[in-house]
């Protein structure tokens, strides 16, 4: 792995959130003047690599996420940072209790669900959606991939544990609003078209120490040798016959 292919942000100040979460983040103001949630690997898991690769894959297939940056902590360490978007809903329970919110929202949540299955994200609870008002209309972003992909690599379970938050929260949402199979299948198709060259670029963008060479090489073999394709096929079938819903 190489140094990042761009200049990292720098931390101007940092503080602890009032309510700690499982991925042990901190809050920080960056050199760019924006506030971020920043994460390291102090939990013993590959949080930083998972966050970065999943975020960039989400962008590649047009799933909206907050701005993400790699941070220099000023002491020789590199951290992952996700922008804190203000004027957004922090408690999503009232939002998800609404009557049908419209096809755009249901399609976006269905797209995120399909992506979470692919990356084995087990922690998509209600407040791991970012709901933001845009000209009086709600918009849904995905954030927090700390329990996905490299969190338990090389294990990528599928089906996901039915007791995990992604599954049981997804079932609650689908029970209220339904599911857009076509939108979910579009995500599967988009992931199938992400070229090896782009994934290689992403892996090379990881700072030294975020993954071992064995982990990085193993993931690239997984992407190249057909395991990614088989996983996508399994998800497509499981969504169509509802075994993964």
Protein backbone atom coordinates (compact mmCIF):
# COMPACT_ATOMS: atom_id res chain seq x y z
CA UNK A 1 0.00 0.00 0.00
CA UNK A 2 1.08 3.55 -0.66
CA UNK A 3 0.70 6.95 0.91
CA UNK A 4 -2.63 8.66 0.10
CA UNK A 5 -2.89 9.95 -3.46
CA UNK A 6 -3.94 13.38 -2.12
CA UNK A 7 -3.13 15.68 0.78
CA UNK A 8 -4.86 14.73 4.04
CA UNK A 9 -6.89 17.18 6.08
CA UNK A 10 -5.46 18.33 9.39
CA UNK A 11 -7.17 18.42 12.77
CA UNK A 12 -7.54 21.89 14.28
CA UNK A 13 -9.31 20.69 17.43
CA UNK A 14 -11.14 17.61 18.65
CA UNK A 15 -13.64 16.59 21.31
CA UNK A 16 -15.57 13.53 22.43
CA UNK A 17 -19.24 13.01 21.50
CA UNK A 18 -21.74 13.18 24.34
CA UNK A 19 -22.93 9.64 23.56
CA UNK A 20 -20.16 7.15 22.67
CA UNK A 21 -20.91 4.53 20.00
CA UNK A 22 -19.54 1.09 19.17
CA UNK A 23 -16.94 2.41 16.70
CA UNK A 24 -15.49 4.84 19.29
CA UNK A 25 -15.44 8.03 17.19
CA UNK A 26 -14.38 11.52 18.17
CA UNK A 27 -15.47 14.84 16.74
CA UNK A 28 -12.98 17.23 15.17
CA UNK A 29 -12.74 20.50 13.32
CA UNK A 30 -10.61 20.16 10.21
CA UNK A 31 -8.17 22.56 8.66
CA UNK A 32 -10.93 23.26 6.12
CA UNK A 33 -13.13 24.70 8.90
CA UNK A 34 -15.69 21.88 8.75
CA UNK A 35 -16.65 19.50 11.56
CA UNK A 36 -16.14 15.74 11.19
CA UNK A 37 -16.65 12.46 12.96
CA UNK A 38 -13.17 10.91 13.03
CA UNK A 39 -12.37 7.25 13.60
CA UNK A 40 -9.32 5.12 14.26
CA UNK A 41 -8.85 1.38 14.76
CA UNK A 42 -8.70 1.46 18.56
CA UNK A 43 -11.63 -0.99 18.69
CA UNK A 44 -9.28 -3.65 17.31
CA UNK A 45 -11.10 -3.75 13.96
CA UNK A 46 -10.20 -2.32 10.54
CA UNK A 47 -12.62 0.58 10.92
CA UNK A 48 -10.69 3.14 8.87
CA UNK A 49 -10.19 0.96 5.80
CA UNK A 50 -13.79 -0.23 5.88
CA UNK A 51 -15.13 3.30 6.15
CA UNK A 52 -12.97 4.61 3.32
CA UNK A 53 -13.48 1.81 0.80
CA UNK A 54 -17.22 1.51 1.45
CA UNK A 55 -17.71 5.26 1.21
CA UNK A 56 -15.88 5.49 -2.09
CA UNK A 57 -17.76 2.50 -3.52
CA UNK A 58 -21.03 4.14 -2.46
CA UNK A 59 -20.07 7.30 -4.32
CA UNK A 60 -19.10 5.28 -7.39
CA UNK A 61 -22.61 3.82 -7.64
CA UNK A 62 -24.39 7.08 -6.76
CA UNK A 63 -25.43 6.40 -3.19
CA UNK A 64 -25.14 9.77 -1.44
CA UNK A 65 -22.86 10.02 1.59
CA UNK A 66 -21.46 12.93 3.62
CA UNK A 67 -18.09 14.34 2.57
CA UNK A 68 -15.27 11.98 3.66
CA UNK A 69 -11.62 12.86 4.21
CA UNK A 70 -8.43 11.25 5.44
CA UNK A 71 -6.99 13.15 8.40
CA UNK A 72 -3.46 13.67 9.64
CA UNK A 73 -3.67 13.62 13.45
CA UNK A 74 -0.45 15.62 13.81
CA UNK A 75 1.36 12.74 15.51
CA UNK A 76 2.12 10.54 12.53
CA UNK A 77 -1.27 8.83 12.42
CA UNK A 78 -3.94 8.86 9.74
CA UNK A 79 -7.63 8.84 10.62
CA UNK A 80 -10.91 8.54 8.72
CA UNK A 81 -13.27 11.52 8.83
CA UNK A 82 -16.91 11.93 7.80
CA UNK A 83 -18.39 15.42 7.72
CA UNK A 84 -21.00 16.29 10.32
CA UNK A 85 -23.89 17.69 8.31
CA UNK A 86 -25.77 20.30 10.31
CA UNK A 87 -29.48 21.10 10.05
CA UNK A 88 -30.14 17.38 9.71
CA UNK A 89 -32.33 15.05 11.72
CA UNK A 90 -30.46 13.34 14.57
CA UNK A 91 -33.38 11.25 15.85
CA UNK A 92 -34.91 9.45 12.91
CA UNK A 93 -37.67 7.58 14.73
CA UNK A 94 -40.38 10.21 13.99
CA UNK A 95 -39.34 10.23 10.32
CA UNK A 96 -39.65 6.47 9.94
CA UNK A 97 -43.04 6.51 11.66
CA UNK A 98 -44.49 8.65 8.87
CA UNK A 99 -46.96 7.36 6.38
CA UNK A 100 -45.58 6.55 2.92
CA UNK A 101 -42.93 9.26 2.26
CA UNK A 102 -42.85 8.95 -1.51
CA UNK A 103 -41.21 6.69 -4.05
CA UNK A 104 -37.88 8.57 -4.06
CA UNK A 105 -37.27 7.89 -0.37
CA UNK A 106 -38.31 4.23 -0.61
CA UNK A 107 -36.06 3.76 -3.65
CA UNK A 108 -33.08 5.30 -1.88
CA UNK A 109 -33.51 3.19 1.24
CA UNK A 110 -33.88 0.09 -0.94
CA UNK A 111 -30.65 0.99 -2.74
CA UNK A 112 -28.82 1.41 0.55
CA UNK A 113 -30.15 -1.94 1.78
CA UNK A 114 -28.80 -3.76 -1.28
CA UNK A 115 -25.42 -2.07 -0.84
CA UNK A 116 -25.34 -3.03 2.85
CA UNK A 117 -25.90 -6.67 1.92
CA UNK A 118 -22.95 -6.54 -0.48
CA UNK A 119 -20.54 -5.03 2.06
CA UNK A 120 -21.92 -7.14 4.95
CA UNK A 121 -22.90 -4.10 6.98
CA UNK A 122 -24.61 -5.36 10.14
CA UNK A 123 -25.23 -1.98 11.78
CA UNK A 124 -27.69 0.02 9.63
CA UNK A 125 -29.95 1.15 12.46
CA UNK A 126 -32.46 3.99 12.12
CA UNK A 127 -29.96 6.69 13.07
CA UNK A 128 -27.37 5.43 10.60
CA UNK A 129 -29.38 7.08 7.88
CA UNK A 130 -28.81 10.81 7.51
CA UNK A 131 -32.09 12.57 6.78
CA UNK A 132 -31.61 16.07 5.45
CA UNK A 133 -34.16 18.62 4.35
CA UNK A 134 -33.59 19.99 0.86
CA UNK A 135 -35.98 22.74 -0.14
CA UNK A 136 -38.69 21.25 2.04
CA UNK A 137 -38.15 17.68 0.82
CA UNK A 138 -36.32 14.98 2.80
CA UNK A 139 -33.23 13.42 1.32
CA UNK A 140 -31.56 10.22 2.60
CA UNK A 141 -27.81 9.70 2.90
CA UNK A 142 -25.93 6.60 4.05
CA UNK A 143 -23.14 6.94 6.57
CA UNK A 144 -21.20 4.85 9.11
CA UNK A 145 -19.64 1.77 7.52
CA UNK A 146 -17.55 0.87 10.56
CA UNK A 147 -19.22 -2.54 10.89
CA UNK A 148 -18.83 -3.51 7.24
CA UNK A 149 -16.39 -5.14 4.82
CA UNK A 150 -13.05 -5.14 6.66
CA UNK A 151 -14.63 -5.20 10.12
CA UNK A 152 -14.54 -9.01 10.10
CA UNK A 153 -12.53 -9.66 6.95
CA UNK A 154 -12.13 -12.18 5.36
CA UNK A 155 -15.55 -13.21 6.68
CA UNK A 156 -18.40 -11.65 4.69
CA UNK A 157 -21.48 -13.53 5.92
CA UNK A 158 -24.50 -13.83 3.68
CA UNK A 159 -27.30 -14.06 4.60
CA UNK A 160 -26.63 -11.58 7.39
CA UNK A 161 -27.58 -12.61 10.90
CA UNK A 162 -31.36 -11.97 11.11
CA UNK A 163 -30.86 -10.42 14.56
CA UNK A 164 -28.45 -7.76 13.24
CA UNK A 165 -29.67 -4.19 13.03
CA UNK A 166 -29.50 -4.00 9.25
CA UNK A 167 -31.98 -6.88 8.88
CA UNK A 168 -34.49 -6.23 11.64
CA UNK A 169 -34.56 -2.45 11.08
CA UNK A 170 -34.88 -3.08 7.35
CA UNK A 171 -37.89 -5.30 8.00
CA UNK A 172 -39.54 -2.61 10.10
CA UNK A 173 -39.05 -0.05 7.32
CA UNK A 174 -40.28 -2.43 4.61
CA UNK A 175 -43.31 -3.30 6.75
CA UNK A 176 -44.27 0.38 6.77
CA UNK A 177 -43.25 1.50 3.30
CA UNK A 178 -42.51 -1.53 1.11
CA UNK A 179 -39.42 -2.20 -0.99
CA UNK A 180 -38.28 -1.06 -4.43
CA UNK A 181 -36.79 -4.18 -6.00
CA UNK A 182 -35.92 -2.41 -9.24
CA UNK A 183 -33.88 0.23 -7.39
CA UNK A 184 -32.07 -2.46 -5.40
CA UNK A 185 -31.23 -4.39 -8.57
CA UNK A 186 -29.82 -1.23 -10.12
CA UNK A 187 -27.29 -1.11 -7.27
CA UNK A 188 -26.33 -4.73 -7.93
CA UNK A 189 -25.84 -3.95 -11.62
CA UNK A 190 -23.78 -0.86 -10.82
CA UNK A 191 -21.52 -2.79 -8.44
CA UNK A 192 -20.96 -5.43 -11.12
CA UNK A 193 -19.62 -2.70 -13.43
CA UNK A 194 -17.12 -1.15 -10.99
CA UNK A 195 -13.80 -1.86 -12.74
CA UNK A 196 -10.85 -3.57 -11.10
CA UNK A 197 -8.72 -0.54 -11.95
CA UNK A 198 -10.90 1.70 -9.78
CA UNK A 199 -10.80 -0.69 -6.82
CA UNK A 200 -7.02 -0.93 -7.22
CA UNK A 201 -6.89 2.86 -7.09
CA UNK A 202 -8.95 2.86 -3.88
CA UNK A 203 -6.73 0.29 -2.24
CA UNK A 204 -3.66 2.29 -3.20
CA UNK A 205 -5.25 5.38 -1.65
CA UNK A 206 -5.24 3.76 1.81
CA UNK A 207 -2.58 5.12 4.14
CA UNK A 208 0.14 2.74 5.27
CA UNK A 209 -1.05 0.59 8.16
CA UNK A 210 -4.77 0.68 7.49
CA UNK A 211 -4.63 -2.87 6.11
CA UNK A 212 -1.91 -5.48 6.01
CA UNK A 213 -0.55 -6.51 2.62
CA UNK A 214 -2.21 -9.88 3.13
CA UNK A 215 -5.60 -8.24 3.71
CA UNK A 216 -5.22 -5.86 0.78
CA UNK A 217 -4.05 -8.56 -1.63
CA UNK A 218 -6.78 -10.90 -0.42
CA UNK A 219 -9.47 -8.34 -1.11
CA UNK A 220 -8.18 -7.68 -4.62
CA UNK A 221 -8.18 -11.41 -5.35
CA UNK A 222 -11.75 -11.59 -4.01
CA UNK A 223 -12.79 -8.76 -6.34
CA UNK A 224 -11.06 -10.27 -9.39
CA UNK A 225 -11.63 -14.01 -9.15
CA UNK A 226 -15.41 -14.18 -9.31
CA UNK A 227 -16.32 -14.17 -5.62
CA UNK A 228 -17.65 -10.63 -5.91
CA UNK A 229 -19.77 -11.66 -8.91
CA UNK A 230 -21.13 -14.73 -7.11
CA UNK A 231 -22.05 -12.60 -4.12
CA UNK A 232 -23.95 -10.14 -6.30
CA UNK A 233 -25.84 -12.99 -7.98
CA UNK A 234 -26.76 -14.44 -4.58
CA UNK A 235 -28.07 -11.06 -3.44
CA UNK A 236 -30.11 -10.59 -6.61
CA UNK A 237 -31.77 -13.98 -6.22
CA UNK A 238 -32.30 -13.45 -2.49
CA UNK A 239 -34.02 -10.12 -3.05
CA UNK A 240 -36.26 -11.54 -5.77
CA UNK A 241 -37.39 -14.54 -3.72
CA UNK A 242 -37.42 -12.48 -0.47
CA UNK A 243 -34.99 -14.79 1.38
CA UNK A 244 -32.72 -11.78 2.03
CA UNK A 245 -35.52 -9.42 3.00
